[in-house]
Amino acid sequence: RNALVSQWMAQVELDPTSLNAANRSCSFRALDAFDISIEWPENSEDLFITIDLMPSTGGELRKKRLERSMQMNAYVLETRGAAIGWDAARDMLVLSYRSAAETLTPQNLNDLVVNLIETAQYIADEIRFEADVVLQSQVNNHGDKWFEPIRA
């Protein structure tokens, strides 16, 4: 699997420093928006591709993001076969795909990565909830200044 990922990296001209052969992983950023890792654990014959979508944030925004993510996850139709998950340790919503490494070529791997990035763009747009982000930020940073007494 090291060879497969190395060949793919050469094909897409990814900086060789993205590969950490000792940790059996390759990490890079795509479209200046998504942190991506490709991992091939020693105890598995599979390859895992994971994209950090965004922090789930707190409060009502977290609830909305998780709810919409689970709706999109149903039957993995909107996610094109990938799964949306929640990395609780980092409070991060992630999109991941698992494939049998033995069936992959560098071109197949590239197709999977591109498909996952396109899917991540769609999902991120769906769960961003821009208006709620602004409101949550205001509550977190300036909640005490929302209400001021009116002098009559």
C-alpha atoms as a PDB file:
ATOM      1  CA  ARG A   1       0.000   0.000   0.000  1.00  0.00           C
ATOM      2  CA  ASN A   2       2.981   2.289   0.499  1.00  0.00           C
ATOM      3  CA  ALA A   3       3.807   1.778  -3.181  1.00  0.00           C
ATOM      4  CA  LEU A   4       0.229   2.469  -4.280  1.00  0.00           C
ATOM      5  CA  VAL A   5       0.053   5.736  -2.357  1.00  0.00           C
ATOM      6  CA  SER A   6       3.554   6.751  -3.490  1.00  0.00           C
ATOM      7  CA  GLN A   7       2.626   6.117  -7.124  1.00  0.00           C
ATOM      8  CA  TRP A   8      -0.574   8.107  -6.717  1.00  0.00           C
ATOM      9  CA  MET A   9       1.344  10.972  -5.080  1.00  0.00           C
ATOM     10  CA  ALA A  10       3.771  11.049  -8.014  1.00  0.00           C
ATOM     11  CA  GLN A  11       0.880  11.005 -10.487  1.00  0.00           C
ATOM     12  CA  VAL A  12      -0.804  14.043  -8.893  1.00  0.00           C
ATOM     13  CA  GLU A  13       2.531  15.731  -8.078  1.00  0.00           C
ATOM     14  CA  LEU A  14       1.837  15.827  -4.348  1.00  0.00           C
ATOM     15  CA  ASP A  15       4.771  16.969  -2.246  1.00  0.00           C
ATOM     16  CA  PRO A  16       6.677  13.881  -0.999  1.00  0.00           C
ATOM     17  CA  THR A  17       6.677  15.310   2.553  1.00  0.00           C
ATOM     18  CA  SER A  18       2.940  14.484   2.694  1.00  0.00           C
ATOM     19  CA  LEU A  19       3.857  10.810   3.059  1.00  0.00           C
ATOM     20  CA  ASN A  20       4.651   9.391   6.479  1.00  0.00           C
ATOM     21  CA  ALA A  21       5.563   5.795   5.667  1.00  0.00           C
ATOM     22  CA  ALA A  22       6.332   4.970   9.312  1.00  0.00           C
ATOM     23  CA  ASN A  23       2.801   5.952  10.346  1.00  0.00           C
ATOM     24  CA  ARG A  24       1.339   4.448   7.169  1.00  0.00           C
ATOM     25  CA  SER A  25      -0.352   7.690   6.221  1.00  0.00           C
ATOM     26  CA  CYS A  26      -0.400  10.533   3.745  1.00  0.00           C
ATOM     27  CA  SER A  27      -1.792  13.914   4.812  1.00  0.00           C
ATOM     28  CA  PHE A  28      -2.400  16.986   2.701  1.00  0.00           C
ATOM     29  CA  ARG A  29      -4.728  19.945   2.163  1.00  0.00           C
ATOM     30  CA  ALA A  30      -7.021  20.260  -0.852  1.00  0.00           C
ATOM     31  CA  LEU A  31      -8.621  23.385  -2.286  1.00  0.00           C
ATOM     32  CA  ASP A  32      -7.286  25.416   0.650  1.00  0.00           C
ATOM     33  CA  ALA A  33     -10.287  24.091   2.563  1.00  0.00           C
ATOM     34  CA  PHE A  34     -10.026  20.416   3.442  1.00  0.00           C
ATOM     35  CA  ASP A  35      -7.451  18.494   5.443  1.00  0.00           C
ATOM     36  CA  ILE A  36      -7.269  14.987   4.016  1.00  0.00           C
ATOM     37  CA  SER A  37      -5.557  11.850   5.219  1.00  0.00           C
ATOM     38  CA  ILE A  38      -5.076   8.524   3.529  1.00  0.00           C
ATOM     39  CA  GLU A  39      -4.236   5.762   5.975  1.00  0.00           C
ATOM     40  CA  TRP A  40      -3.489   2.053   5.660  1.00  0.00           C
ATOM     41  CA  PRO A  41      -3.314   0.540   9.143  1.00  0.00           C
ATOM     42  CA  GLU A  42      -1.000  -2.401   9.612  1.00  0.00           C
ATOM     43  CA  ASN A  43      -3.783  -4.661  10.861  1.00  0.00           C
ATOM     44  CA  SER A  44      -6.087  -4.004   7.897  1.00  0.00           C
ATOM     45  CA  GLU A  45      -6.004  -4.705   4.171  1.00  0.00           C
ATOM     46  CA  ASP A  46      -8.083  -1.590   3.546  1.00  0.00           C
ATOM     47  CA  LEU A  47      -7.256   1.981   2.689  1.00  0.00           C
ATOM     48  CA  PHE A  48      -9.081   4.765   4.552  1.00  0.00           C
ATOM     49  CA  ILE A  49      -9.529   8.253   3.115  1.00  0.00           C
ATOM     50  CA  THR A  50     -10.745  10.868   5.581  1.00  0.00           C
ATOM     51  CA  ILE A  51     -11.589  14.541   5.089  1.00  0.00           C
ATOM     52  CA  ASP A  52     -12.100  17.010   7.936  1.00  0.00           C
ATOM     53  CA  LEU A  53     -15.321  18.830   7.080  1.00  0.00           C
ATOM     54  CA  MET A  54     -15.640  21.336   9.927  1.00  0.00           C
ATOM     55  CA  PRO A  55     -15.947  21.596  13.679  1.00  0.00           C
ATOM     56  CA  SER A  56     -19.440  20.740  14.841  1.00  0.00           C
ATOM     57  CA  THR A  57     -19.276  23.807  17.110  1.00  0.00           C
ATOM     58  CA  GLY A  58     -21.572  24.051  20.107  1.00  0.00           C
ATOM     59  CA  GLY A  59     -25.133  24.557  21.106  1.00  0.00           C
ATOM     60  CA  GLU A  60     -27.944  24.633  18.590  1.00  0.00           C
ATOM     61  CA  LEU A  61     -25.516  24.796  15.677  1.00  0.00           C
ATOM     62  CA  ARG A  62     -24.005  21.436  16.660  1.00  0.00           C
ATOM     63  CA  LYS A  63     -27.474  19.908  16.839  1.00  0.00           C
ATOM     64  CA  LYS A  64     -28.391  21.239  13.384  1.00  0.00           C
ATOM     65  CA  ARG A  65     -25.114  20.075  11.841  1.00  0.00           C
ATOM     66  CA  LEU A  66     -25.322  16.601  13.320  1.00  0.00           C
ATOM     67  CA  GLU A  67     -28.988  16.244  12.393  1.00  0.00           C
ATOM     68  CA  ARG A  68     -28.422  17.307   8.780  1.00  0.00           C
ATOM     69  CA  SER A  69     -25.320  15.105   8.560  1.00  0.00           C
ATOM     70  CA  MET A  70     -27.257  12.068   9.705  1.00  0.00           C
ATOM     71  CA  GLN A  71     -30.008  12.816   7.175  1.00  0.00           C
ATOM     72  CA  MET A  72     -27.392  12.941   4.432  1.00  0.00           C
ATOM     73  CA  ASN A  73     -25.746   9.767   5.764  1.00  0.00           C
ATOM     74  CA  ALA A  74     -28.922   7.690   5.412  1.00  0.00           C
ATOM     75  CA  TYR A  75     -28.318   4.955   2.837  1.00  0.00           C
ATOM     76  CA  VAL A  76     -25.092   6.843   1.896  1.00  0.00           C
ATOM     77  CA  LEU A  77     -26.830   8.241  -1.185  1.00  0.00           C
ATOM     78  CA  GLU A  78     -26.043  11.928  -0.713  1.00  0.00           C
ATOM     79  CA  THR A  79     -22.535  11.028   0.430  1.00  0.00           C
ATOM     80  CA  ARG A  80     -21.739   8.925  -2.675  1.00  0.00           C
ATOM     81  CA  GLY A  81     -20.888   5.873  -0.609  1.00  0.00           C
ATOM     82  CA  ALA A  82     -18.821   7.707   2.002  1.00  0.00           C
ATOM     83  CA  ALA A  83     -19.830   8.081   5.643  1.00  0.00           C
ATOM     84  CA  ILE A  84     -20.094  11.233   7.711  1.00  0.00           C
ATOM     85  CA  GLY A  85     -18.787  10.780  11.215  1.00  0.00           C
ATOM     86  CA  TRP A  86     -17.970  12.820  14.266  1.00  0.00           C
ATOM     87  CA  ASP A  87     -14.492  12.794  15.771  1.00  0.00           C
ATOM     88  CA  ALA A  88     -15.516  13.614  19.351  1.00  0.00           C
ATOM     89  CA  ALA A  89     -11.930  14.183  20.538  1.00  0.00           C
ATOM     90  CA  ARG A  90     -11.536  17.075  18.095  1.00  0.00           C
ATOM     91  CA  ASP A  91     -15.250  17.966  17.860  1.00  0.00           C
ATOM     92  CA  MET A  92     -14.815  17.569  14.095  1.00  0.00           C
ATOM     93  CA  LEU A  93     -17.269  16.331  11.486  1.00  0.00           C
ATOM     94  CA  VAL A  94     -15.434  14.082   9.036  1.00  0.00           C
ATOM     95  CA  LEU A  95     -16.220  12.377   5.756  1.00  0.00           C
ATOM     96  CA  SER A  96     -14.546   9.024   5.174  1.00  0.00           C
ATOM     97  CA  TYR A  97     -14.349   6.238   2.668  1.00  0.00           C
ATOM     98  CA  ARG A  98     -12.937   2.726   3.041  1.00  0.00           C
ATOM     99  CA  SER A  99     -11.710   0.630   0.124  1.00  0.00           C
ATOM    100  CA  ALA A 100      -9.961  -2.687  -0.306  1.00  0.00           C
ATOM    101  CA  ALA A 101      -6.390  -1.697  -1.167  1.00  0.00           C
ATOM    102  CA  GLU A 102      -5.751  -4.741  -3.351  1.00  0.00           C
ATOM    103  CA  THR A 103      -8.347  -3.594  -5.890  1.00  0.00           C
ATOM    104  CA  LEU A 104      -6.916  -0.090  -6.262  1.00  0.00           C
ATOM    105  CA  THR A 105      -4.630   1.377  -8.875  1.00  0.00           C
ATOM    106  CA  PRO A 106      -3.173   4.875  -8.631  1.00  0.00           C
ATOM    107  CA  GLN A 107      -5.930   6.048 -11.025  1.00  0.00           C
ATOM    108  CA  ASN A 108      -8.700   4.396  -8.959  1.00  0.00           C
ATOM    109  CA  LEU A 109      -7.267   5.984  -5.835  1.00  0.00           C
ATOM    110  CA  ASN A 110      -7.233   9.347  -7.547  1.00  0.00           C
ATOM    111  CA  ASP A 111     -10.870   8.894  -8.579  1.00  0.00           C
ATOM    112  CA  LEU A 112     -11.799   8.104  -4.964  1.00  0.00           C
ATOM    113  CA  VAL A 113      -9.957  11.133  -3.608  1.00  0.00           C
ATOM    114  CA  VAL A 114     -11.492  13.498  -6.194  1.00  0.00           C
ATOM    115  CA  ASN A 115     -14.968  12.054  -5.589  1.00  0.00           C
ATOM    116  CA  LEU A 116     -14.572  12.477  -1.852  1.00  0.00           C
ATOM    117  CA  ILE A 117     -13.407  16.091  -2.233  1.00  0.00           C
ATOM    118  CA  GLU A 118     -16.387  16.905  -4.469  1.00  0.00           C
ATOM    119  CA  THR A 119     -18.710  15.257  -1.952  1.00  0.00           C
ATOM    120  CA  ALA A 120     -17.067  17.161   0.910  1.00  0.00           C
ATOM    121  CA  GLN A 121     -17.707  20.452  -0.891  1.00  0.00           C
ATOM    122  CA  TYR A 122     -21.399  19.617  -1.249  1.00  0.00           C
ATOM    123  CA  ILE A 123     -21.754  18.414   2.347  1.00  0.00           C
ATOM    124  CA  ALA A 124     -19.856  21.381   3.790  1.00  0.00           C
ATOM    125  CA  ASP A 125     -22.216  23.738   1.955  1.00  0.00           C
ATOM    126  CA  GLU A 126     -25.205  21.801   3.322  1.00  0.00           C
ATOM    127  CA  ILE A 127     -24.068  21.827   6.964  1.00  0.00           C
ATOM    128  CA  ARG A 128     -22.353  25.196   7.157  1.00  0.00           C
ATOM    129  CA  PHE A 129     -25.501  27.093   8.264  1.00  0.00           C
ATOM    130  CA  GLU A 130     -23.815  30.483   7.794  1.00  0.00           C
ATOM    131  CA  ALA A 131     -26.494  32.539   9.569  1.00  0.00           C
ATOM    132  CA  ASP A 132     -26.314  30.244  12.590  1.00  0.00           C
ATOM    133  CA  VAL A 133     -22.514  30.507  12.653  1.00  0.00           C
ATOM    134  CA  VAL A 134     -22.740  34.290  12.906  1.00  0.00           C
ATOM    135  CA  LEU A 135     -25.381  34.088  15.620  1.00  0.00           C
ATOM    136  CA  GLN A 136     -23.412  31.489  17.607  1.00  0.00           C
ATOM    137  CA  SER A 137     -20.281  33.644  17.350  1.00  0.00           C
ATOM    138  CA  GLN A 138     -22.168  36.654  18.628  1.00  0.00           C
ATOM    139  CA  VAL A 139     -23.519  34.665  21.563  1.00  0.00           C
ATOM    140  CA  ASN A 140     -20.087  33.226  22.387  1.00  0.00           C
ATOM    141  CA  ASN A 141     -18.190  36.486  22.059  1.00  0.00           C
ATOM    142  CA  HIS A 142     -20.637  39.229  22.921  1.00  0.00           C
ATOM    143  CA  GLY A 143     -23.599  37.642  24.682  1.00  0.00           C
ATOM    144  CA  ASP A 144     -23.258  39.994  27.615  1.00  0.00           C
ATOM    145  CA  LYS A 145     -23.582  43.016  25.298  1.00  0.00           C
ATOM    146  CA  TRP A 146     -26.764  41.923  23.549  1.00  0.00           C
ATOM    147  CA  PHE A 147     -29.105  43.466  26.070  1.00  0.00           C
ATOM    148  CA  GLU A 148     -28.666  46.877  27.546  1.00  0.00           C
ATOM    149  CA  PRO A 149     -31.070  48.773  29.737  1.00  0.00           C
ATOM    150  CA  ILE A 150     -33.189  51.473  28.159  1.00  0.00           C
ATOM    151  CA  ARG A 151     -33.343  54.656  30.101  1.00  0.00           C
ATOM    152  CA  ALA A 152     -36.851  56.099  30.050  1.00  0.00           C
END
